[in-house]
Amino acid sequence: MSGLRLLAIHAHPDDESSKGAATMARYAAEGNRVMVVTCTGGERGDILNPAMDKPGVLENMPAIRMEEMAKAMAVLGTEHRWLGHVDSGLPQGDPLPPLPEGCFALEDNEVVTRELVTILREFRPHVIITYDENGGYPHPDHLKVHEVSMLAWEKSGDAGYAPELGEPWAPLKLYYTHGFIRQRMQMFHDQLTLMGRPSPYTPMLQRWEANRADVMARVTTQVPCDAYFEQRDEALRAHASQIDPAGAFFGTPVEVQRRLWPTEEFELARTRVKTSIPEDDLFAGIDPDAE
């Protein structure tokens, strides 16, 4: 299959590399057009890689994260657009402090929806990837991405909505990416334990045990993409300010991942074509000769 188009909408640079990156690399390598839209510059991100905690990094975070994003996109073979909004940061405290003035999470939904509709009508994706109603996790920017993605899905194909933004285009399928899957991480944790090696997954598994969320119950689509795990990892490492090479992302060797869990997971949330669940292809049910 080739010639189809996939659009992934993300909140911050590095989100795309931790959520569906191997799938995007696979589809791009197969000749499809793949575009990532990043809504903010990640300006309020902390330095999460100890090796990058040095003078000049935090002060130049916006420029650094733009450079990191360009490297990741080159690795994955994807196109890219910035929306240009300002990172809202992740509020901490009880009660939570107010969000900073002018941040993405406080932006008017209509403003952002128009920006996304402009891109949808220009790029004309057959498939959209975005976040679920919980944002994957409740970061205010992730929640915002969900809201505006769903509005853009509905309005892009409406000829009566903002005709000045381009010819109507109705994407055919919309998927949620949930990011981390508890069962996958539990499997990797158990394998490391059997090997007598320390597991970096313990803290996350303990948090999951507390809320008992089962994302796999929502998964409809598992895309085989293990041939692109190295590209995914290289894209993650490109975000050097945010990704610790000694962290959990790289806690399990790629060859073990291929054997135990060779897929990435998605939830089909909206569709305008017939398909059969479960799926193994985000383009399932779409005519490969589609416009």
Protein backbone atom coordinates (compact mmCIF):
# COMPACT_ATOMS: atom_id res chain seq x y z
CA MET A 1 0.00 0.00 0.00
CA SER A 2 1.31 3.46 -0.84
CA GLY A 3 0.15 6.95 -1.55
CA LEU A 4 -2.13 7.31 1.46
CA ARG A 5 -1.77 10.07 4.06
CA LEU A 6 -1.52 9.95 7.85
CA LEU A 7 -1.59 12.96 10.19
CA ALA A 8 -0.57 12.75 13.87
CA ILE A 9 -1.49 15.65 16.16
CA HIS A 10 0.70 16.05 19.25
CA ALA A 11 1.07 18.54 22.07
CA HIS A 12 4.86 18.86 22.48
CA PRO A 13 8.04 17.91 20.67
CA ASP A 14 9.00 14.35 21.73
CA ASP A 15 5.36 13.22 22.11
CA GLU A 16 5.44 11.90 18.56
CA SER A 17 8.52 9.77 19.26
CA SER A 18 7.04 8.10 22.34
CA LYS A 19 3.58 7.48 20.86
CA GLY A 20 3.33 5.61 17.59
CA ALA A 21 6.73 6.52 16.15
CA ALA A 22 7.54 3.07 14.77
CA THR A 23 4.14 2.95 13.07
CA MET A 24 4.73 6.33 11.45
CA ALA A 25 8.21 5.27 10.32
CA ARG A 26 6.77 2.11 8.81
CA TYR A 27 4.08 3.90 6.83
CA ALA A 28 6.52 6.56 5.62
CA ALA A 29 8.97 3.87 4.50
CA GLU A 30 6.17 2.15 2.59
CA GLY A 31 5.64 5.28 0.50
CA ASN A 32 2.77 6.94 2.32
CA ARG A 33 2.90 10.60 3.35
CA VAL A 34 3.07 11.04 7.10
CA MET A 35 2.87 14.41 8.83
CA VAL A 36 3.25 15.37 12.48
CA VAL A 37 1.59 18.52 13.81
CA THR A 38 3.14 19.82 17.04
CA CYS A 39 0.90 22.31 18.81
CA THR A 40 3.47 23.88 21.16
CA GLY A 41 7.20 24.38 21.31
CA GLY A 42 7.64 22.59 24.62
CA GLU A 43 9.10 25.77 26.06
CA ARG A 44 8.22 24.90 29.65
CA GLY A 45 9.70 21.43 29.56
CA ASP A 46 12.20 20.50 32.24
CA ILE A 47 15.61 19.02 31.48
CA LEU A 48 14.93 15.31 31.94
CA ASN A 49 18.30 13.99 30.74
CA PRO A 50 21.04 14.54 33.38
CA ALA A 51 23.66 14.80 30.63
CA MET A 52 21.89 17.89 29.28
CA ASP A 53 21.63 19.63 32.66
CA LYS A 54 24.31 22.17 31.92
CA PRO A 55 24.61 25.93 31.38
CA GLY A 56 22.89 27.28 28.30
CA VAL A 57 20.32 24.52 27.88
CA LEU A 58 17.40 25.72 29.99
CA GLU A 59 17.97 29.31 28.83
CA ASN A 60 17.73 28.21 25.18
CA MET A 61 15.09 25.52 25.53
CA PRO A 62 12.79 26.77 22.72
CA ALA A 63 15.57 26.73 20.11
CA ILE A 64 16.99 23.45 21.39
CA ARG A 65 13.66 21.71 21.21
CA MET A 66 13.13 22.94 17.64
CA GLU A 67 16.50 21.47 16.67
CA GLU A 68 15.68 18.21 18.43
CA MET A 69 12.35 18.00 16.63
CA ALA A 70 13.97 18.48 13.23
CA LYS A 71 16.36 15.62 13.96
CA ALA A 72 13.54 13.32 15.06
CA MET A 73 11.50 14.07 11.94
CA ALA A 74 14.49 13.31 9.73
CA VAL A 75 14.92 9.97 11.49
CA LEU A 76 11.27 8.98 11.09
CA GLY A 77 10.98 10.28 7.52
CA THR A 78 7.93 12.40 8.30
CA GLU A 79 6.76 15.86 7.37
CA HIS A 80 6.19 18.38 10.13
CA ARG A 81 4.21 21.49 11.04
CA TRP A 82 4.39 23.68 14.13
CA LEU A 83 1.20 25.39 15.28
CA GLY A 84 3.31 27.82 17.28
CA HIS A 85 1.44 27.91 20.58
CA VAL A 86 3.16 28.21 23.94
CA ASP A 87 3.57 25.18 26.20
CA SER A 88 1.25 25.38 29.23
CA GLY A 89 3.55 23.45 31.55
CA LEU A 90 2.32 20.78 33.95
CA PRO A 91 0.81 22.46 37.02
CA GLN A 92 1.97 21.09 40.37
CA GLY A 93 0.56 21.59 43.84
CA ASP A 94 -2.63 21.33 45.84
CA PRO A 95 -4.55 23.32 44.92
CA LEU A 96 -3.16 23.54 41.40
CA PRO A 97 -1.90 26.97 40.40
CA PRO A 98 -3.58 28.80 37.50
CA LEU A 99 -2.27 28.15 34.02
CA PRO A 100 0.08 30.80 32.64
CA GLU A 101 -1.49 33.55 30.59
CA GLY A 102 -1.23 33.04 26.84
CA CYS A 103 -0.56 29.31 27.02
CA PHE A 104 -1.97 26.73 24.62
CA ALA A 105 -4.43 25.20 27.08
CA LEU A 106 -6.14 28.59 27.49
CA GLU A 107 -6.31 29.33 23.77
CA ASP A 108 -9.78 29.64 22.25
CA ASN A 109 -10.81 26.30 20.71
CA GLU A 110 -12.08 28.02 17.57
CA VAL A 111 -8.67 29.58 16.92
CA VAL A 112 -6.86 26.24 17.13
CA THR A 113 -9.59 24.36 15.25
CA ARG A 114 -9.25 26.76 12.33
CA GLU A 115 -5.50 26.17 12.30
CA LEU A 116 -5.97 22.42 12.21
CA VAL A 117 -8.72 22.57 9.60
CA THR A 118 -6.40 24.61 7.37
CA ILE A 119 -3.79 21.85 7.61
CA LEU A 120 -6.34 19.06 7.14
CA ARG A 121 -7.73 20.66 4.01
CA GLU A 122 -4.27 21.19 2.60
CA PHE A 123 -2.67 17.84 3.53
CA ARG A 124 -5.91 15.83 3.11
CA PRO A 125 -5.10 12.95 5.46
CA HIS A 126 -7.04 9.72 5.25
CA VAL A 127 -6.19 8.90 8.88
CA ILE A 128 -5.68 11.08 11.98
CA ILE A 129 -3.92 10.04 15.19
CA THR A 130 -4.59 12.06 18.34
CA TYR A 131 -5.15 11.64 22.11
CA ASP A 132 -8.19 10.27 23.93
CA GLU A 133 -10.47 12.25 26.23
CA ASN A 134 -7.93 11.85 29.05
CA GLY A 135 -5.10 13.19 26.91
CA GLY A 136 -3.19 9.94 27.40
CA TYR A 137 -2.40 11.54 30.73
CA PRO A 138 -4.06 14.70 32.05
CA HIS A 139 -1.55 17.32 30.94
CA PRO A 140 -3.58 20.42 30.04
CA ASP A 141 -2.01 20.59 26.57
CA HIS A 142 -2.87 16.94 25.86
CA LEU A 143 -6.46 17.53 26.91
CA LYS A 144 -6.56 20.54 24.60
CA VAL A 145 -5.21 18.48 21.71
CA HIS A 146 -8.06 16.02 22.15
CA GLU A 147 -10.68 18.76 22.16
CA VAL A 148 -9.46 20.56 19.06
CA SER A 149 -8.68 17.36 17.15
CA MET A 150 -12.27 16.19 17.52
CA LEU A 151 -13.60 19.57 16.44
CA ALA A 152 -11.31 19.58 13.39
CA TRP A 153 -12.41 16.03 12.49
CA GLU A 154 -16.03 17.20 12.41
CA LYS A 155 -15.54 20.56 10.71
CA SER A 156 -12.89 19.89 8.07
CA GLY A 157 -15.33 18.16 5.72
CA ASP A 158 -18.15 20.65 6.31
CA ALA A 159 -18.43 22.81 3.20
CA GLY A 160 -20.27 25.43 5.21
CA TYR A 161 -17.49 25.83 7.75
CA ALA A 162 -14.87 28.50 6.97
CA PRO A 163 -14.69 28.04 3.18
CA GLU A 164 -11.81 30.51 3.12
CA LEU A 165 -9.64 27.81 4.76
CA GLY A 166 -9.69 25.60 1.67
CA GLU A 167 -11.70 22.89 -0.06
CA PRO A 168 -13.53 20.60 2.39
CA TRP A 169 -11.79 17.35 3.31
CA ALA A 170 -13.31 14.66 5.52
CA PRO A 171 -10.68 12.29 6.96
CA LEU A 172 -11.83 8.67 6.94
CA LYS A 173 -10.57 7.37 10.29
CA LEU A 174 -9.43 8.81 13.61
CA TYR A 175 -7.40 6.90 16.18
CA TYR A 176 -6.38 7.53 19.75
CA THR A 177 -2.86 6.67 20.82
CA HIS A 178 -2.72 5.85 24.51
CA GLY A 179 1.06 5.83 24.84
CA PHE A 180 2.17 3.38 27.50
CA ILE A 181 0.43 0.00 27.74
CA ARG A 182 0.50 -1.59 31.17
CA GLN A 183 0.51 -5.19 29.92
CA ARG A 184 3.45 -4.48 27.63
CA MET A 185 5.44 -2.90 30.43
CA GLN A 186 4.52 -5.73 32.83
CA MET A 187 5.81 -8.25 30.30
CA PHE A 188 9.12 -6.39 29.94
CA HIS A 189 9.38 -6.04 33.73
CA ASP A 190 8.82 -9.77 34.25
CA GLN A 191 11.40 -10.62 31.59
CA LEU A 192 14.05 -8.44 33.22
CA THR A 193 13.23 -9.98 36.60
CA LEU A 194 13.69 -13.48 35.17
CA MET A 195 17.05 -12.38 33.78
CA GLY A 196 18.06 -11.08 37.21
CA ARG A 197 18.31 -7.53 35.95
CA PRO A 198 16.90 -4.39 37.58
CA SER A 199 13.64 -3.12 36.10
CA PRO A 200 13.13 0.59 35.37
CA TYR A 201 9.39 -0.04 35.08
CA THR A 202 8.61 -0.59 38.77
CA PRO A 203 7.48 3.00 39.59
CA MET A 204 5.09 3.16 36.62
CA LEU A 205 3.65 -0.27 37.37
CA GLN A 206 3.02 0.79 40.94
CA ARG A 207 1.12 3.86 39.73
CA TRP A 208 -0.95 1.70 37.39
CA GLU A 209 -1.73 -0.69 40.24
CA ALA A 210 -3.17 2.27 42.13
CA ASN A 211 -5.62 3.31 39.41
CA ARG A 212 -6.02 -0.06 37.66
CA ALA A 213 -6.55 1.58 34.26
CA ASP A 214 -6.66 -1.03 31.48
CA VAL A 215 -5.99 0.71 28.21
CA MET A 216 -5.77 -2.60 26.32
CA ALA A 217 -9.51 -3.00 26.83
CA ARG A 218 -9.90 -0.04 24.48
CA VAL A 219 -7.34 -1.06 21.86
CA THR A 220 -8.81 -2.00 18.49
CA THR A 221 -5.70 -1.96 16.33
CA GLN A 222 -2.22 -3.41 16.78
CA VAL A 223 0.18 -2.42 14.02
CA PRO A 224 3.22 -4.68 13.44
CA CYS A 225 6.17 -2.29 13.28
CA ASP A 226 9.08 -4.02 15.04
CA ALA A 227 11.32 -3.51 12.00
CA TYR A 228 11.23 0.20 12.88
CA PHE A 229 11.97 0.02 16.61
CA GLU A 230 15.53 1.23 16.04
CA GLN A 231 14.22 4.29 14.20
CA ARG A 232 11.79 4.94 17.02
CA ASP A 233 14.61 4.78 19.56
CA GLU A 234 16.83 7.03 17.46
CA ALA A 235 13.99 9.56 17.23
CA LEU A 236 13.57 9.43 21.00
CA ARG A 237 17.29 10.03 21.53
CA ALA A 238 17.09 13.02 19.20
CA HIS A 239 15.05 14.72 21.93
CA ALA A 240 18.14 14.78 24.12
CA SER A 241 16.86 17.38 26.59
CA GLN A 242 13.81 15.26 27.39
CA ILE A 243 14.85 11.64 27.00
CA ASP A 244 17.35 9.99 29.33
CA PRO A 245 19.20 7.27 27.37
CA ALA A 246 19.48 5.34 30.65
CA GLY A 247 15.73 5.60 31.28
CA ALA A 248 12.75 3.29 30.93
CA PHE A 249 12.30 3.86 27.20
CA PHE A 250 15.44 1.83 26.62
CA GLY A 251 15.13 -0.59 29.52
CA THR A 252 14.42 -3.62 27.32
CA PRO A 253 16.68 -4.59 24.40
CA VAL A 254 15.06 -4.17 20.99
CA GLU A 255 15.48 -7.85 20.15
CA VAL A 256 13.51 -8.76 23.30
CA GLN A 257 10.81 -6.24 22.42
CA ARG A 258 10.52 -7.75 18.96
CA ARG A 259 9.98 -11.19 20.42
CA LEU A 260 7.57 -10.22 23.18
CA TRP A 261 5.59 -7.26 21.78
CA PRO A 262 6.21 -6.35 18.10
CA THR A 263 3.29 -3.92 17.71
CA GLU A 264 2.06 -0.46 18.59
CA GLU A 265 -1.48 0.01 19.83
CA PHE A 266 -4.30 2.34 18.80
CA GLU A 267 -8.01 2.80 19.42
CA LEU A 268 -10.30 3.43 16.47
CA ALA A 269 -12.46 6.26 17.81
CA ARG A 270 -14.17 7.52 14.64
CA THR A 271 -14.56 6.05 11.17
CA ARG A 272 -16.33 6.93 7.96
CA VAL A 273 -15.45 3.59 6.30
CA LYS A 274 -16.30 0.00 7.13
CA THR A 275 -13.60 -2.04 8.82
CA SER A 276 -13.33 -5.20 10.90
CA ILE A 277 -12.12 -5.13 14.51
CA PRO A 278 -9.48 -6.12 15.51
CA GLU A 279 -7.26 -4.47 12.91
CA ASP A 280 -3.55 -4.62 12.16
CA ASP A 281 -3.43 -1.61 9.82
CA LEU A 282 -4.51 2.01 10.37
CA PHE A 283 -5.49 2.16 6.67
CA ALA A 284 -7.70 -0.94 6.87
CA GLY A 285 -10.92 -0.40 4.95
CA ILE A 286 -9.51 2.52 2.94
CA ASP A 287 -9.20 2.17 -0.83
CA PRO A 288 -5.46 2.38 -1.64
CA ASP A 289 -6.41 4.42 -4.69
CA ALA A 290 -8.38 6.88 -2.57
CA GLU A 291 -8.15 10.52 -3.60
